[in-house]
Full PDB file with SEQRES, HELIX, SHEET, SSBOND, CRYST1, ORIGX, SCALE, CONECT and MASTER records, all heavy atoms in Angstrom:
SEQRES   1 A   36  PHE GLU ARG VAL THR LYS GLN PHE GLY GLU LEU THR VAL          
SEQRES   2 A   36  LEU ARG GLU LEU ASP LEU GLU VAL THR ARG GLY GLU LYS          
SEQRES   3 A   36  LEU ALA ILE ILE GLY PRO SER GLY SER GLY                      
SHEET    1 AA1 2 VAL A   4  PHE A   8  0                                        
SHEET    2 AA1 2 LEU A  11  LEU A  17 -1                                        
CRYST1    1.000    1.000    1.000  90.00  90.00  90.00 P 1           1          
ORIGX1      1.000000  0.000000  0.000000        0.00000                         
ORIGX2      0.000000  1.000000  0.000000        0.00000                         
ORIGX3      0.000000  0.000000  1.000000        0.00000                         
SCALE1      1.000000  0.000000  0.000000        0.00000                         
SCALE2      0.000000  1.000000  0.000000        0.00000                         
SCALE3      0.000000  0.000000  1.000000        0.00000                         
ATOM      1  N   PHE A   1      -9.302 -20.340  -1.341  1.00  0.00           N  
ATOM      2  CA  PHE A   1      -8.066 -21.113  -1.275  1.00  0.00           C  
ATOM      3  C   PHE A   1      -7.788 -21.399   0.194  1.00  0.00           C  
ATOM      4  O   PHE A   1      -7.733 -20.463   1.002  1.00  0.00           O  
ATOM      5  CB  PHE A   1      -6.893 -20.325  -1.867  1.00  0.00           C  
ATOM      6  CG  PHE A   1      -6.869 -20.262  -3.373  1.00  0.00           C  
ATOM      7  CD1 PHE A   1      -7.810 -19.508  -4.060  1.00  0.00           C  
ATOM      8  CD2 PHE A   1      -5.922 -20.957  -4.094  1.00  0.00           C  
ATOM      9  CE1 PHE A   1      -7.799 -19.447  -5.442  1.00  0.00           C  
ATOM     10  CE2 PHE A   1      -5.893 -20.900  -5.479  1.00  0.00           C  
ATOM     11  CZ  PHE A   1      -6.835 -20.143  -6.158  1.00  0.00           C  
ATOM     12  N   GLU A   2      -7.609 -22.671   0.545  1.00  0.00           N  
ATOM     13  CA  GLU A   2      -7.375 -23.064   1.922  1.00  0.00           C  
ATOM     14  C   GLU A   2      -6.013 -23.745   2.036  1.00  0.00           C  
ATOM     15  O   GLU A   2      -5.816 -24.872   1.581  1.00  0.00           O  
ATOM     16  CB  GLU A   2      -8.479 -24.016   2.397  1.00  0.00           C  
ATOM     17  CG  GLU A   2      -9.875 -23.399   2.377  1.00  0.00           C  
ATOM     18  CD  GLU A   2     -10.952 -24.394   2.770  1.00  0.00           C  
ATOM     19  OE1 GLU A   2     -10.640 -25.598   2.923  1.00  0.00           O  
ATOM     20  OE2 GLU A   2     -12.113 -23.974   2.924  1.00  0.00           O  
ATOM     21  N   ARG A   3      -5.051 -23.011   2.565  1.00  0.00           N  
ATOM     22  CA  ARG A   3      -3.697 -23.522   2.822  1.00  0.00           C  
ATOM     23  C   ARG A   3      -3.130 -24.204   1.573  1.00  0.00           C  
ATOM     24  O   ARG A   3      -2.590 -25.312   1.616  1.00  0.00           O  
ATOM     25  CB  ARG A   3      -3.685 -24.466   4.024  1.00  0.00           C  
ATOM     26  CG  ARG A   3      -4.221 -23.834   5.297  1.00  0.00           C  
ATOM     27  CD  ARG A   3      -4.083 -24.756   6.501  1.00  0.00           C  
ATOM     28  NE  ARG A   3      -2.681 -24.878   6.911  1.00  0.00           N  
ATOM     29  CZ  ARG A   3      -2.050 -24.017   7.700  1.00  0.00           C  
ATOM     30  NH1 ARG A   3      -2.677 -22.940   8.160  1.00  0.00           N  
ATOM     31  NH2 ARG A   3      -0.794 -24.207   8.032  1.00  0.00           N  
ATOM     32  N   VAL A   4      -3.230 -23.504   0.450  1.00  0.00           N  
ATOM     33  CA  VAL A   4      -2.802 -24.066  -0.829  1.00  0.00           C  
ATOM     34  C   VAL A   4      -1.306 -23.831  -1.041  1.00  0.00           C  
ATOM     35  O   VAL A   4      -0.817 -22.700  -0.950  1.00  0.00           O  
ATOM     36  CB  VAL A   4      -3.610 -23.449  -1.990  1.00  0.00           C  
ATOM     37  CG1 VAL A   4      -3.013 -23.870  -3.336  1.00  0.00           C  
ATOM     38  CG2 VAL A   4      -5.065 -23.867  -1.894  1.00  0.00           C  
ATOM     39  N   THR A   5      -0.610 -24.905  -1.324  1.00  0.00           N  
ATOM     40  CA  THR A   5       0.810 -24.855  -1.655  1.00  0.00           C  
ATOM     41  C   THR A   5       0.997 -25.430  -3.058  1.00  0.00           C  
ATOM     42  O   THR A   5       0.348 -26.406  -3.428  1.00  0.00           O  
ATOM     43  CB  THR A   5       1.640 -25.674  -0.658  1.00  0.00           C  
ATOM     44  OG1 THR A   5       1.596 -25.023   0.624  1.00  0.00           O  
ATOM     45  CG2 THR A   5       3.092 -25.789  -1.091  1.00  0.00           C  
ATOM     46  N   LYS A   6       1.862 -24.783  -3.832  1.00  0.00           N  
ATOM     47  CA  LYS A   6       2.218 -25.297  -5.145  1.00  0.00           C  
ATOM     48  C   LYS A   6       3.729 -25.306  -5.282  1.00  0.00           C  
ATOM     49  O   LYS A   6       4.386 -24.268  -5.103  1.00  0.00           O  
ATOM     50  CB  LYS A   6       1.599 -24.447  -6.259  1.00  0.00           C  
ATOM     51  CG  LYS A   6       2.013 -24.891  -7.664  1.00  0.00           C  
ATOM     52  CD  LYS A   6       1.625 -26.324  -7.965  1.00  0.00           C  
ATOM     53  CE  LYS A   6       2.098 -26.756  -9.352  1.00  0.00           C  
ATOM     54  NZ  LYS A   6       1.778 -28.186  -9.614  1.00  0.00           N  
ATOM     55  N   GLN A   7       4.261 -26.490  -5.575  1.00  0.00           N  
ATOM     56  CA  GLN A   7       5.693 -26.649  -5.769  1.00  0.00           C  
ATOM     57  C   GLN A   7       5.980 -27.185  -7.162  1.00  0.00           C  
ATOM     58  O   GLN A   7       5.228 -27.999  -7.698  1.00  0.00           O  
ATOM     59  CB  GLN A   7       6.268 -27.614  -4.720  1.00  0.00           C  
ATOM     60  CG  GLN A   7       6.169 -27.106  -3.283  1.00  0.00           C  
ATOM     61  CD  GLN A   7       6.624 -28.148  -2.287  1.00  0.00           C  
ATOM     62  OE1 GLN A   7       6.128 -29.277  -2.288  1.00  0.00           O  
ATOM     63  NE2 GLN A   7       7.573 -27.776  -1.437  1.00  0.00           N  
ATOM     64  N   PHE A   8       7.073 -26.704  -7.727  1.00  0.00           N  
ATOM     65  CA  PHE A   8       7.619 -27.274  -8.953  1.00  0.00           C  
ATOM     66  C   PHE A   8       8.996 -27.823  -8.590  1.00  0.00           C  
ATOM     67  O   PHE A   8       9.958 -27.056  -8.475  1.00  0.00           O  
ATOM     68  CB  PHE A   8       7.726 -26.221 -10.049  1.00  0.00           C  
ATOM     69  CG  PHE A   8       6.392 -25.691 -10.520  1.00  0.00           C  
ATOM     70  CD1 PHE A   8       5.898 -24.495 -10.026  1.00  0.00           C  
ATOM     71  CD2 PHE A   8       5.643 -26.384 -11.454  1.00  0.00           C  
ATOM     72  CE1 PHE A   8       4.676 -23.998 -10.464  1.00  0.00           C  
ATOM     73  CE2 PHE A   8       4.411 -25.900 -11.892  1.00  0.00           C  
ATOM     74  CZ  PHE A   8       3.930 -24.719 -11.391  1.00  0.00           C  
ATOM     75  N   GLY A   9       9.066 -29.117  -8.356  1.00  0.00           N  
ATOM     76  CA  GLY A   9      10.311 -29.691  -7.844  1.00  0.00           C  
ATOM     77  C   GLY A   9      10.606 -29.127  -6.467  1.00  0.00           C  
ATOM     78  O   GLY A   9       9.771 -29.178  -5.564  1.00  0.00           O  
ATOM     79  N   GLU A  10      11.786 -28.544  -6.311  1.00  0.00           N  
ATOM     80  CA  GLU A  10      12.163 -27.966  -5.020  1.00  0.00           C  
ATOM     81  C   GLU A  10      11.726 -26.505  -4.883  1.00  0.00           C  
ATOM     82  O   GLU A  10      11.879 -25.915  -3.808  1.00  0.00           O  
ATOM     83  CB  GLU A  10      13.675 -28.069  -4.823  1.00  0.00           C  
ATOM     84  CG  GLU A  10      14.189 -29.509  -4.747  1.00  0.00           C  
ATOM     85  CD  GLU A  10      15.670 -29.578  -4.475  1.00  0.00           C  
ATOM     86  OE1 GLU A  10      16.304 -28.498  -4.415  1.00  0.00           O  
ATOM     87  OE2 GLU A  10      16.191 -30.693  -4.327  1.00  0.00           O  
ATOM     88  N   LEU A  11      11.178 -25.943  -5.945  1.00  0.00           N  
ATOM     89  CA  LEU A  11      10.750 -24.542  -5.917  1.00  0.00           C  
ATOM     90  C   LEU A  11       9.317 -24.440  -5.415  1.00  0.00           C  
ATOM     91  O   LEU A  11       8.397 -25.015  -6.012  1.00  0.00           O  
ATOM     92  CB  LEU A  11      10.855 -23.939  -7.320  1.00  0.00           C  
ATOM     93  CG  LEU A  11      10.356 -22.496  -7.474  1.00  0.00           C  
ATOM     94  CD1 LEU A  11      11.218 -21.538  -6.658  1.00  0.00           C  
ATOM     95  CD2 LEU A  11      10.339 -22.094  -8.945  1.00  0.00           C  
ATOM     96  N   THR A  12       9.114 -23.694  -4.340  1.00  0.00           N  
ATOM     97  CA  THR A  12       7.777 -23.451  -3.814  1.00  0.00           C  
ATOM     98  C   THR A  12       7.282 -22.120  -4.353  1.00  0.00           C  
ATOM     99  O   THR A  12       7.830 -21.064  -4.038  1.00  0.00           O  
ATOM    100  CB  THR A  12       7.778 -23.423  -2.274  1.00  0.00           C  
ATOM    101  OG1 THR A  12       8.242 -24.684  -1.788  1.00  0.00           O  
ATOM    102  CG2 THR A  12       6.376 -23.168  -1.732  1.00  0.00           C  
ATOM    103  N   VAL A  13       6.227 -22.170  -5.176  1.00  0.00           N  
ATOM    104  CA  VAL A  13       5.711 -20.970  -5.828  1.00  0.00           C  
ATOM    105  C   VAL A  13       4.598 -20.340  -5.005  1.00  0.00           C  
ATOM    106  O   VAL A  13       4.479 -19.118  -4.928  1.00  0.00           O  
ATOM    107  CB  VAL A  13       5.214 -21.306  -7.254  1.00  0.00           C  
ATOM    108  CG1 VAL A  13       4.701 -20.059  -7.959  1.00  0.00           C  
ATOM    109  CG2 VAL A  13       6.323 -21.943  -8.065  1.00  0.00           C  
ATOM    110  N   LEU A  14       3.748 -21.156  -4.392  1.00  0.00           N  
ATOM    111  CA  LEU A  14       2.738 -20.694  -3.444  1.00  0.00           C  
ATOM    112  C   LEU A  14       2.917 -21.464  -2.152  1.00  0.00           C  
ATOM    113  O   LEU A  14       3.142 -22.678  -2.165  1.00  0.00           O  
ATOM    114  CB  LEU A  14       1.314 -20.920  -3.989  1.00  0.00           C  
ATOM    115  CG  LEU A  14       0.859 -20.051  -5.154  1.00  0.00           C  
ATOM    116  CD1 LEU A  14      -0.543 -20.462  -5.595  1.00  0.00           C  
ATOM    117  CD2 LEU A  14       0.880 -18.575  -4.804  1.00  0.00           C  
ATOM    118  N   ARG A  15       2.788 -20.748  -1.024  1.00  0.00           N  
ATOM    119  CA  ARG A  15       3.083 -21.368   0.267  1.00  0.00           C  
ATOM    120  C   ARG A  15       1.898 -21.182   1.227  1.00  0.00           C  
ATOM    121  O   ARG A  15       1.642 -20.089   1.717  1.00  0.00           O  
ATOM    122  CB  ARG A  15       4.334 -20.722   0.871  1.00  0.00           C  
ATOM    123  CG  ARG A  15       4.882 -21.410   2.108  1.00  0.00           C  
ATOM    124  CD  ARG A  15       6.040 -20.607   2.698  1.00  0.00           C  
ATOM    125  NE  ARG A  15       7.054 -20.295   1.696  1.00  0.00           N  
ATOM    126  CZ  ARG A  15       8.048 -21.120   1.358  1.00  0.00           C  
ATOM    127  NH1 ARG A  15       8.164 -22.285   1.958  1.00  0.00           N  
ATOM    128  NH2 ARG A  15       8.930 -20.761   0.445  1.00  0.00           N  
ATOM    129  N   GLU A  16       1.113 -22.266   1.426  1.00  0.00           N  
ATOM    130  CA  GLU A  16      -0.006 -22.288   2.382  1.00  0.00           C  
ATOM    131  C   GLU A  16      -0.876 -21.041   2.244  1.00  0.00           C  
ATOM    132  O   GLU A  16      -1.139 -20.322   3.206  1.00  0.00           O  
ATOM    133  CB  GLU A  16       0.513 -22.455   3.807  1.00  0.00           C  
ATOM    134  CG  GLU A  16       1.194 -23.805   4.021  1.00  0.00           C  
ATOM    135  CD  GLU A  16       1.400 -24.138   5.485  1.00  0.00           C  
ATOM    136  OE1 GLU A  16       1.232 -23.234   6.332  1.00  0.00           O  
ATOM    137  OE2 GLU A  16       1.719 -25.300   5.780  1.00  0.00           O  
ATOM    138  N   LEU A  17      -1.330 -20.804   1.043  1.00  0.00           N  
ATOM    139  CA  LEU A  17      -2.105 -19.610   0.729  1.00  0.00           C  
ATOM    140  C   LEU A  17      -3.547 -19.753   1.196  1.00  0.00           C  
ATOM    141  O   LEU A  17      -4.220 -20.736   0.879  1.00  0.00           O  
ATOM    142  CB  LEU A  17      -2.080 -19.362  -0.777  1.00  0.00           C  
ATOM    143  CG  LEU A  17      -2.932 -18.192  -1.269  1.00  0.00           C  
ATOM    144  CD1 LEU A  17      -2.269 -16.872  -0.891  1.00  0.00           C  
ATOM    145  CD2 LEU A  17      -3.128 -18.271  -2.778  1.00  0.00           C  
ATOM    146  N   ASP A  18      -4.040 -18.764   1.927  1.00  0.00           N  
ATOM    147  CA  ASP A  18      -5.455 -18.648   2.278  1.00  0.00           C  
ATOM    148  C   ASP A  18      -5.993 -17.388   1.600  1.00  0.00           C  
ATOM    149  O   ASP A  18      -5.408 -16.316   1.720  1.00  0.00           O  
ATOM    150  CB  ASP A  18      -5.646 -18.510   3.792  1.00  0.00           C  
ATOM    151  CG  ASP A  18      -5.334 -19.794   4.545  1.00  0.00           C  
ATOM    152  OD1 ASP A  18      -5.526 -20.873   3.966  1.00  0.00           O  
ATOM    153  OD2 ASP A  18      -4.887 -19.708   5.702  1.00  0.00           O  
ATOM    154  N   LEU A  19      -7.117 -17.536   0.918  1.00  0.00           N  
ATOM    155  CA  LEU A  19      -7.711 -16.387   0.218  1.00  0.00           C  
ATOM    156  C   LEU A  19      -9.185 -16.650  -0.011  1.00  0.00           C  
ATOM    157  O   LEU A  19      -9.568 -17.763  -0.395  1.00  0.00           O  
ATOM    158  CB  LEU A  19      -7.013 -16.156  -1.129  1.00  0.00           C  
ATOM    159  CG  LEU A  19      -7.599 -15.058  -2.025  1.00  0.00           C  
ATOM    160  CD1 LEU A  19      -7.429 -13.693  -1.382  1.00  0.00           C  
ATOM    161  CD2 LEU A  19      -6.960 -15.092  -3.408  1.00  0.00           C  
ATOM    162  N   GLU A  20     -10.018 -15.642   0.233  1.00  0.00           N  
ATOM    163  CA  GLU A  20     -11.437 -15.719  -0.074  1.00  0.00           C  
ATOM    164  C   GLU A  20     -11.810 -14.569  -1.006  1.00  0.00           C  
ATOM    165  O   GLU A  20     -11.390 -13.433  -0.797  1.00  0.00           O  
ATOM    166  CB  GLU A  20     -12.290 -15.634   1.196  1.00  0.00           C  
ATOM    167  CG  GLU A  20     -12.192 -16.859   2.085  1.00  0.00           C  
ATOM    168  CD  GLU A  20     -13.121 -16.772   3.282  1.00  0.00           C  
ATOM    169  OE1 GLU A  20     -13.681 -15.672   3.530  1.00  0.00           O  
ATOM    170  OE2 GLU A  20     -13.293 -17.775   3.986  1.00  0.00           O  
ATOM    171  N   VAL A  21     -12.604 -14.888  -2.017  1.00  0.00           N  
ATOM    172  CA  VAL A  21     -13.121 -13.887  -2.949  1.00  0.00           C  
ATOM    173  C   VAL A  21     -14.639 -13.981  -2.921  1.00  0.00           C  
ATOM    174  O   VAL A  21     -15.198 -15.064  -3.113  1.00  0.00           O  
ATOM    175  CB  VAL A  21     -12.605 -14.115  -4.380  1.00  0.00           C  
ATOM    176  CG1 VAL A  21     -13.098 -13.006  -5.305  1.00  0.00           C  
ATOM    177  CG2 VAL A  21     -11.077 -14.193  -4.401  1.00  0.00           C  
ATOM    178  N   THR A  22     -15.298 -12.865  -2.656  1.00  0.00           N  
ATOM    179  CA  THR A  22     -16.750 -12.886  -2.553  1.00  0.00           C  
ATOM    180  C   THR A  22     -17.398 -12.705  -3.921  1.00  0.00           C  
ATOM    181  O   THR A  22     -16.791 -12.190  -4.861  1.00  0.00           O  
ATOM    182  CB  THR A  22     -17.252 -11.794  -1.590  1.00  0.00           C  
ATOM    183  OG1 THR A  22     -16.778 -10.520  -2.033  1.00  0.00           O  
ATOM    184  CG2 THR A  22     -16.769 -12.054  -0.187  1.00  0.00           C  
ATOM    185  N   ARG A  23     -18.631 -13.129  -4.005  1.00  0.00           N  
ATOM    186  CA  ARG A  23     -19.378 -13.080  -5.261  1.00  0.00           C  
ATOM    187  C   ARG A  23     -19.497 -11.631  -5.754  1.00  0.00           C  
ATOM    188  O   ARG A  23     -19.893 -10.741  -5.016  1.00  0.00           O  
ATOM    189  CB  ARG A  23     -20.761 -13.686  -5.038  1.00  0.00           C  
ATOM    190  CG  ARG A  23     -21.467 -14.139  -6.305  1.00  0.00           C  
ATOM    191  CD  ARG A  23     -22.764 -14.847  -5.944  1.00  0.00           C  
ATOM    192  NE  ARG A  23     -22.537 -15.995  -5.081  1.00  0.00           N  
ATOM    193  CZ  ARG A  23     -22.246 -17.212  -5.541  1.00  0.00           C  
ATOM    194  NH1 ARG A  23     -22.166 -17.419  -6.843  1.00  0.00           N  
ATOM    195  NH2 ARG A  23     -22.048 -18.209  -4.702  1.00  0.00           N  
ATOM    196  N   GLY A  24     -19.131 -11.406  -6.996  1.00  0.00           N  
ATOM    197  CA  GLY A  24     -19.195 -10.078  -7.584  1.00  0.00           C  
ATOM    198  C   GLY A  24     -17.999  -9.195  -7.297  1.00  0.00           C  
ATOM    199  O   GLY A  24     -17.907  -8.069  -7.812  1.00  0.00           O  
ATOM    200  N   GLU A  25     -17.051  -9.665  -6.512  1.00  0.00           N  
ATOM    201  CA  GLU A  25     -15.888  -8.854  -6.141  1.00  0.00           C  
ATOM    202  C   GLU A  25     -14.897  -8.738  -7.299  1.00  0.00           C  
ATOM    203  O   GLU A  25     -14.735  -9.657  -8.100  1.00  0.00           O  
ATOM    204  CB  GLU A  25     -15.194  -9.482  -4.936  1.00  0.00           C  
ATOM    205  CG  GLU A  25     -13.998  -8.693  -4.441  1.00  0.00           C  
ATOM    206  CD  GLU A  25     -13.370  -9.305  -3.207  1.00  0.00           C  
ATOM    207  OE1 GLU A  25     -13.783 -10.400  -2.786  1.00  0.00           O  
ATOM    208  OE2 GLU A  25     -12.452  -8.667  -2.658  1.00  0.00           O  
ATOM    209  N   LYS A  26     -14.232  -7.583  -7.365  1.00  0.00           N  
ATOM    210  CA  LYS A  26     -13.145  -7.366  -8.306  1.00  0.00           C  
ATOM    211  C   LYS A  26     -11.848  -7.315  -7.503  1.00  0.00           C  
ATOM    212  O   LYS A  26     -11.612  -6.366  -6.749  1.00  0.00           O  
ATOM    213  CB  LYS A  26     -13.324  -6.057  -9.086  1.00  0.00           C  
ATOM    214  CG  LYS A  26     -14.337  -6.133 -10.221  1.00  0.00           C  
ATOM    215  CD  LYS A  26     -15.740  -6.450  -9.786  1.00  0.00           C  
ATOM    216  CE  LYS A  26     -16.741  -6.445 -10.929  1.00  0.00           C  
ATOM    217  NZ  LYS A  26     -18.066  -6.932 -10.507  1.00  0.00           N  
ATOM    218  N   LEU A  27     -11.035  -8.353  -7.627  1.00  0.00           N  
ATOM    219  CA  LEU A  27      -9.795  -8.458  -6.867  1.00  0.00           C  
ATOM    220  C   LEU A  27      -8.608  -8.258  -7.791  1.00  0.00           C  
ATOM    221  O   LEU A  27      -8.416  -9.020  -8.741  1.00  0.00           O  
ATOM    222  CB  LEU A  27      -9.695  -9.834  -6.200  1.00  0.00           C  
ATOM    223  CG  LEU A  27      -8.384 -10.120  -5.457  1.00  0.00           C  
ATOM    224  CD1 LEU A  27      -8.241  -9.220  -4.227  1.00  0.00           C  
ATOM    225  CD2 LEU A  27      -8.276 -11.585  -5.061  1.00  0.00           C  
ATOM    226  N   ALA A  28      -7.812  -7.223  -7.532  1.00  0.00           N  
ATOM    227  CA  ALA A  28      -6.572  -6.993  -8.279  1.00  0.00           C  
ATOM    228  C   ALA A  28      -5.436  -7.690  -7.556  1.00  0.00           C  
ATOM    229  O   ALA A  28      -5.304  -7.591  -6.333  1.00  0.00           O  
ATOM    230  CB  ALA A  28      -6.295  -5.499  -8.394  1.00  0.00           C  
ATOM    231  N   ILE A  29      -4.622  -8.399  -8.310  1.00  0.00           N  
ATOM    232  CA  ILE A  29      -3.497  -9.151  -7.756  1.00  0.00           C  
ATOM    233  C   ILE A  29      -2.222  -8.565  -8.341  1.00  0.00           C  
ATOM    234  O   ILE A  29      -2.007  -8.608  -9.563  1.00  0.00           O  
ATOM    235  CB  ILE A  29      -3.624 -10.646  -8.102  1.00  0.00           C  
ATOM    236  CG1 ILE A  29      -4.954 -11.199  -7.560  1.00  0.00           C  
ATOM    237  CG2 ILE A  29      -2.453 -11.431  -7.532  1.00  0.00           C  
ATOM    238  CD1 ILE A  29      -5.290 -12.589  -8.062  1.00  0.00           C  
ATOM    239  N   ILE A  30      -1.395  -7.988  -7.490  1.00  0.00           N  
ATOM    240  CA  ILE A  30      -0.191  -7.303  -7.947  1.00  0.00           C  
ATOM    241  C   ILE A  30       1.014  -7.901  -7.242  1.00  0.00           C  
ATOM    242  O   ILE A  30       0.890  -8.641  -6.268  1.00  0.00           O  
ATOM    243  CB  ILE A  30      -0.268  -5.782  -7.687  1.00  0.00           C  
ATOM    244  CG1 ILE A  30      -0.312  -5.501  -6.181  1.00  0.00           C  
ATOM    245  CG2 ILE A  30      -1.495  -5.176  -8.381  1.00  0.00           C  
ATOM    246  CD1 ILE A  30      -0.222  -4.004  -5.831  1.00  0.00           C  
ATOM    247  N   GLY A  31       2.196  -7.556  -7.744  1.00  0.00           N  
ATOM    248  CA  GLY A  31       3.419  -8.044  -7.129  1.00  0.00           C  
ATOM    249  C   GLY A  31       4.493  -8.287  -8.164  1.00  0.00           C  
ATOM    250  O   GLY A  31       4.240  -8.263  -9.372  1.00  0.00           O  
ATOM    251  N   PRO A  32       5.723  -8.544  -7.711  1.00  0.00           N  
ATOM    252  CA  PRO A  32       6.832  -8.751  -8.649  1.00  0.00           C  
ATOM    253  C   PRO A  32       6.691 -10.051  -9.419  1.00  0.00           C  
ATOM    254  O   PRO A  32       5.935 -10.952  -9.034  1.00  0.00           O  
ATOM    255  CB  PRO A  32       8.060  -8.787  -7.718  1.00  0.00           C  
ATOM    256  CG  PRO A  32       7.518  -9.242  -6.399  1.00  0.00           C  
ATOM    257  CD  PRO A  32       6.140  -8.648  -6.304  1.00  0.00           C  
ATOM    258  N   SER A  33       7.429 -10.164 -10.502  1.00  0.00           N  
ATOM    259  CA  SER A  33       7.455 -11.397 -11.283  1.00  0.00           C  
ATOM    260  C   SER A  33       7.942 -12.553 -10.407  1.00  0.00           C  
ATOM    261  O   SER A  33       8.847 -12.382  -9.586  1.00  0.00           O  
ATOM    262  CB  SER A  33       8.377 -11.241 -12.493  1.00  0.00           C  
ATOM    263  OG  SER A  33       7.914 -10.225 -13.347  1.00  0.00           O  
ATOM    264  N   GLY A  34       7.334 -13.715 -10.583  1.00  0.00           N  
ATOM    265  CA  GLY A  34       7.742 -14.886  -9.822  1.00  0.00           C  
ATOM    266  C   GLY A  34       7.168 -14.978  -8.434  1.00  0.00           C  
ATOM    267  O   GLY A  34       7.557 -15.857  -7.654  1.00  0.00           O  
ATOM    268  N   SER A  35       6.214 -14.092  -8.102  1.00  0.00           N  
ATOM    269  CA  SER A  35       5.675 -14.088  -6.744  1.00  0.00           C  
ATOM    270  C   SER A  35       4.494 -15.034  -6.560  1.00  0.00           C  
ATOM    271  O   SER A  35       3.993 -15.185  -5.445  1.00  0.00           O  
ATOM    272  CB  SER A  35       5.252 -12.666  -6.348  1.00  0.00           C  
ATOM    273  OG  SER A  35       4.275 -12.167  -7.243  1.00  0.00           O  
ATOM    274  N   GLY A  36       4.034 -15.673  -7.635  1.00  0.00           N  
ATOM    275  CA  GLY A  36       2.954 -16.643  -7.523  1.00  0.00           C  
ATOM    276  C   GLY A  36       1.613 -16.187  -8.046  1.00  0.00           C  
ATOM    277  O   GLY A  36       0.627 -16.923  -7.975  1.00  0.00           O  
TER     278      GLY A  36                                                      
MASTER        0    0    0    0    2    0    0    6  277    1    0    3          
END                                                                             
């Protein structure tokens, strides 16, 4: 993900997200509800 932003109207759900996942990696994604 390269500087990815996702908006729903005026609500910004993801803000300039950078993320790399390597081949075979197991990535756990945690956080509160509504965090993207």
